[in-house]
Amino acid sequence: MFNLREAVRRSLAINKWKVDDLATSMNKKVSTLNSSLYNGNPTLSTLTEISKELDIELSEFIKRGEI
């Protein structure tokens, strides 16, 4: 089962980033990023953009969220 929160948490920890860092890198407000991630279903383009900013393949990002 995929857990988006876990994928984000693990990926940020590996990169030694905070959500603020990711949002800045994506040119988004933290509130906008959190909303797109946790208040509904994020689009494939959002997940792809996150994995790109974290410098990992989308498949690796998804693996990090498997529980």
Protein backbone atom coordinates (compact mmCIF):
# COMPACT_ATOMS: atom_id res chain seq x y z
CA MET A 1 0.00 0.00 0.00
CA PHE A 2 1.29 3.46 -0.90
CA ASN A 3 1.42 6.15 1.79
CA LEU A 4 2.08 9.60 0.37
CA ARG A 5 2.97 11.15 3.72
CA GLU A 6 5.58 8.44 4.29
CA ALA A 7 7.06 8.90 0.81
CA VAL A 8 7.41 12.64 1.38
CA ARG A 9 8.76 12.21 4.92
CA ARG A 10 11.39 9.66 3.89
CA SER A 11 12.43 11.60 0.80
CA LEU A 12 12.81 14.85 2.68
CA ALA A 13 14.82 13.13 5.43
CA ILE A 14 17.19 11.54 2.90
CA ASN A 15 17.77 14.93 1.27
CA LYS A 16 17.96 16.66 4.66
CA TRP A 17 15.20 18.99 3.53
CA LYS A 18 12.09 20.38 5.17
CA VAL A 19 8.76 20.90 3.47
CA ASP A 20 9.70 24.60 3.25
CA ASP A 21 12.76 23.69 1.19
CA LEU A 22 10.74 21.56 -1.20
CA ALA A 23 8.08 24.24 -1.62
CA THR A 24 10.73 26.88 -2.32
CA SER A 25 12.40 24.61 -4.85
CA MET A 26 9.05 24.13 -6.58
CA ASN A 27 8.21 27.87 -6.43
CA LYS A 28 5.11 27.15 -4.36
CA LYS A 29 3.85 28.27 -0.99
CA VAL A 30 4.09 25.64 1.74
CA SER A 31 0.32 25.80 2.22
CA THR A 32 -0.26 25.19 -1.49
CA LEU A 33 2.11 22.23 -1.54
CA ASN A 34 0.57 20.71 1.59
CA SER A 35 -2.91 21.19 0.18
CA SER A 36 -2.05 19.52 -3.11
CA LEU A 37 -0.40 16.60 -1.31
CA TYR A 38 -2.70 15.92 1.60
CA ASN A 39 -6.14 17.34 0.84
CA GLY A 40 -7.10 15.13 -2.03
CA ASN A 41 -5.42 13.16 -4.72
CA PRO A 42 -2.24 14.77 -6.07
CA THR A 43 -1.89 14.66 -9.81
CA LEU A 44 0.74 12.62 -11.56
CA SER A 45 2.38 15.85 -12.66
CA THR A 46 2.65 16.99 -9.01
CA LEU A 47 4.24 13.69 -7.97
CA THR A 48 6.60 13.86 -10.94
CA GLU A 49 7.57 17.43 -10.08
CA ILE A 50 8.28 16.45 -6.47
CA SER A 51 10.46 13.51 -7.48
CA LYS A 52 12.32 15.73 -9.96
CA GLU A 53 13.02 18.34 -7.29
CA LEU A 54 14.24 15.60 -4.94
CA ASP A 55 16.46 14.26 -7.74
CA ILE A 56 14.93 10.78 -7.72
CA GLU A 57 12.90 8.73 -10.18
CA LEU A 58 9.15 8.71 -9.63
CA SER A 59 9.31 4.94 -9.13
CA GLU A 60 11.82 5.42 -6.28
CA PHE A 61 9.59 8.06 -4.69
CA ILE A 62 6.68 5.62 -4.79
CA LYS A 63 8.81 2.83 -3.30
CA ARG A 64 9.64 5.11 -0.36
CA GLY A 65 5.93 5.34 0.39
CA GLU A 66 5.23 1.63 0.43
CA ILE A 67 4.32 0.35 3.87
